[in-house]
Amino acid sequence: MDEKSPMNDTENASNAASVLYELNDILVSRRSASPQSSYVAQLLHSGEDKILKKVIEEAGEVLMASKDGDKNHLVKEVADLWFHNMVLLTYHQLQVEDVLIELQRRQYVSGLAEKASRQTE
């Protein structure tokens, strides 16, 4: 991604964020779909272990893309990881909004303070 990337524009970034909500709606609809009709439906019907395996696989691919230093490849692998994390959220009947609310809660909290608060819970 270079400095001329359209994602540097606030309006485009805002529109891109709506993709998460649209994707969330699609994933929820796949919960009732036939496993023969959709990759997501297959994952959701296969159960948590299959989804977790995909999340771990994609996390490893993010690691390798980062080590390779190819920014475009890294973005694609992170997209795959986010996607499979969203499938996992869907499996647990959670939504992207739940994660965004948590991120918003943490937005103005020191990372060190937030980490310390988790250790006391």
Protein backbone atom coordinates (compact mmCIF):
# COMPACT_ATOMS: atom_id res chain seq x y z
CA MET A 1 0.00 0.00 0.00
CA ASP A 2 1.49 3.30 -0.97
CA GLU A 3 0.77 6.80 0.28
CA LYS A 4 -1.60 7.37 -2.66
CA SER A 5 -3.86 4.55 -1.50
CA PRO A 6 -7.55 5.51 -1.60
CA MET A 7 -7.81 4.20 1.95
CA ASN A 8 -5.96 7.33 3.12
CA ASP A 9 -9.07 9.34 2.29
CA THR A 10 -11.42 9.61 5.30
CA GLU A 11 -14.59 9.22 3.22
CA ASN A 12 -13.31 6.07 1.52
CA ALA A 13 -12.18 4.66 4.87
CA SER A 14 -15.63 5.28 6.32
CA ASN A 15 -17.24 3.55 3.35
CA ALA A 16 -14.79 0.69 3.69
CA ALA A 17 -15.76 0.28 7.35
CA SER A 18 -19.33 -0.32 6.24
CA VAL A 19 -18.02 -3.42 4.47
CA LEU A 20 -17.56 -5.01 7.89
CA TYR A 21 -21.25 -4.52 8.68
CA GLU A 22 -22.35 -5.78 5.27
CA LEU A 23 -20.09 -8.80 5.56
CA ASN A 24 -21.43 -9.45 9.06
CA ASP A 25 -24.98 -9.55 7.67
CA ILE A 26 -23.93 -12.00 4.95
CA LEU A 27 -22.20 -14.26 7.48
CA VAL A 28 -25.27 -14.30 9.72
CA SER A 29 -27.42 -15.27 6.74
CA ARG A 30 -25.09 -18.20 6.02
CA ARG A 31 -25.86 -19.76 9.41
CA SER A 32 -29.11 -21.06 7.96
CA ALA A 33 -27.71 -21.88 4.52
CA SER A 34 -26.94 -25.34 3.26
CA PRO A 35 -23.28 -26.35 3.65
CA GLN A 36 -23.35 -27.33 -0.03
CA SER A 37 -24.21 -23.77 -1.02
CA SER A 38 -21.52 -21.76 0.75
CA TYR A 39 -17.98 -21.97 2.11
CA VAL A 40 -19.08 -20.04 5.21
CA ALA A 41 -22.04 -22.35 5.74
CA GLN A 42 -19.63 -25.31 5.52
CA LEU A 43 -17.40 -23.78 8.18
CA LEU A 44 -20.31 -22.89 10.46
CA HIS A 45 -21.83 -26.36 10.14
CA SER A 46 -18.44 -28.03 10.66
CA GLY A 47 -18.17 -26.53 14.11
CA GLU A 48 -15.84 -24.47 16.23
CA ASP A 49 -12.74 -26.65 15.84
CA LYS A 50 -12.79 -26.33 12.04
CA ILE A 51 -13.20 -22.55 12.29
CA LEU A 52 -10.43 -22.28 14.89
CA LYS A 53 -8.14 -24.30 12.63
CA LYS A 54 -8.76 -21.76 9.83
CA VAL A 55 -8.11 -18.83 12.19
CA ILE A 56 -4.78 -20.35 13.26
CA GLU A 57 -3.87 -21.15 9.65
CA GLU A 58 -4.60 -17.58 8.56
CA ALA A 59 -2.69 -16.14 11.54
CA GLY A 60 0.34 -18.15 10.45
CA GLU A 61 -0.01 -16.81 6.92
CA VAL A 62 -0.13 -13.24 8.31
CA LEU A 63 3.08 -13.95 10.18
CA MET A 64 4.80 -15.25 7.05
CA ALA A 65 3.58 -12.35 4.90
CA SER A 66 4.87 -9.90 7.49
CA LYS A 67 8.26 -11.59 7.59
CA ASP A 68 8.42 -11.53 3.78
CA GLY A 69 7.95 -7.74 3.84
CA ASP A 70 5.39 -7.72 1.02
CA LYS A 71 2.80 -5.14 2.12
CA ASN A 72 0.17 -6.11 -0.46
CA HIS A 73 0.46 -9.78 0.51
CA LEU A 74 0.24 -8.82 4.18
CA VAL A 75 -2.98 -6.85 3.58
CA LYS A 76 -4.53 -9.83 1.77
CA GLU A 77 -3.58 -12.24 4.54
CA VAL A 78 -4.88 -9.90 7.25
CA ALA A 79 -8.14 -9.67 5.29
CA ASP A 80 -8.33 -13.49 5.32
CA LEU A 81 -7.66 -13.52 9.07
CA TRP A 82 -10.29 -10.86 9.76
CA PHE A 83 -12.78 -12.78 7.62
CA HIS A 84 -12.24 -16.03 9.50
CA ASN A 85 -12.38 -14.21 12.84
CA MET A 86 -15.73 -12.82 11.74
CA VAL A 87 -16.88 -16.36 10.92
CA LEU A 88 -15.84 -17.36 14.45
CA LEU A 89 -17.81 -14.44 15.89
CA THR A 90 -20.83 -15.52 13.84
CA TYR A 91 -20.48 -19.06 15.15
CA HIS A 92 -20.70 -17.67 18.68
CA GLN A 93 -23.66 -15.46 17.72
CA LEU A 94 -21.55 -12.32 18.11
CA GLN A 95 -21.23 -9.53 15.58
CA VAL A 96 -18.53 -7.23 14.31
CA GLU A 97 -20.24 -4.45 16.25
CA ASP A 98 -19.39 -6.24 19.51
CA VAL A 99 -15.69 -6.02 18.67
CA LEU A 100 -15.94 -2.43 17.44
CA ILE A 101 -17.63 -1.41 20.70
CA GLU A 102 -14.82 -3.03 22.66
CA LEU A 103 -12.22 -1.25 20.54
CA GLN A 104 -14.07 2.02 21.05
CA ARG A 105 -14.10 1.40 24.80
CA ARG A 106 -10.32 1.00 24.72
CA GLN A 107 -9.68 3.90 22.35
CA TYR A 108 -8.63 6.46 24.96
CA VAL A 109 -7.29 4.04 27.54
CA SER A 110 -3.56 3.57 27.86
CA GLY A 111 -2.55 0.19 26.49
CA LEU A 112 -0.60 -0.49 29.67
CA ALA A 113 -3.59 0.42 31.85
CA GLU A 114 -5.95 -1.70 29.74
CA LYS A 115 -3.62 -4.69 29.95
CA ALA A 116 -3.30 -4.27 33.71
CA SER A 117 -7.09 -4.16 34.08
CA ARG A 118 -7.40 -7.52 32.31
CA GLN A 119 -4.99 -9.11 34.79
CA THR A 120 -7.24 -8.17 37.70
CA GLU A 121 -10.44 -9.53 36.13
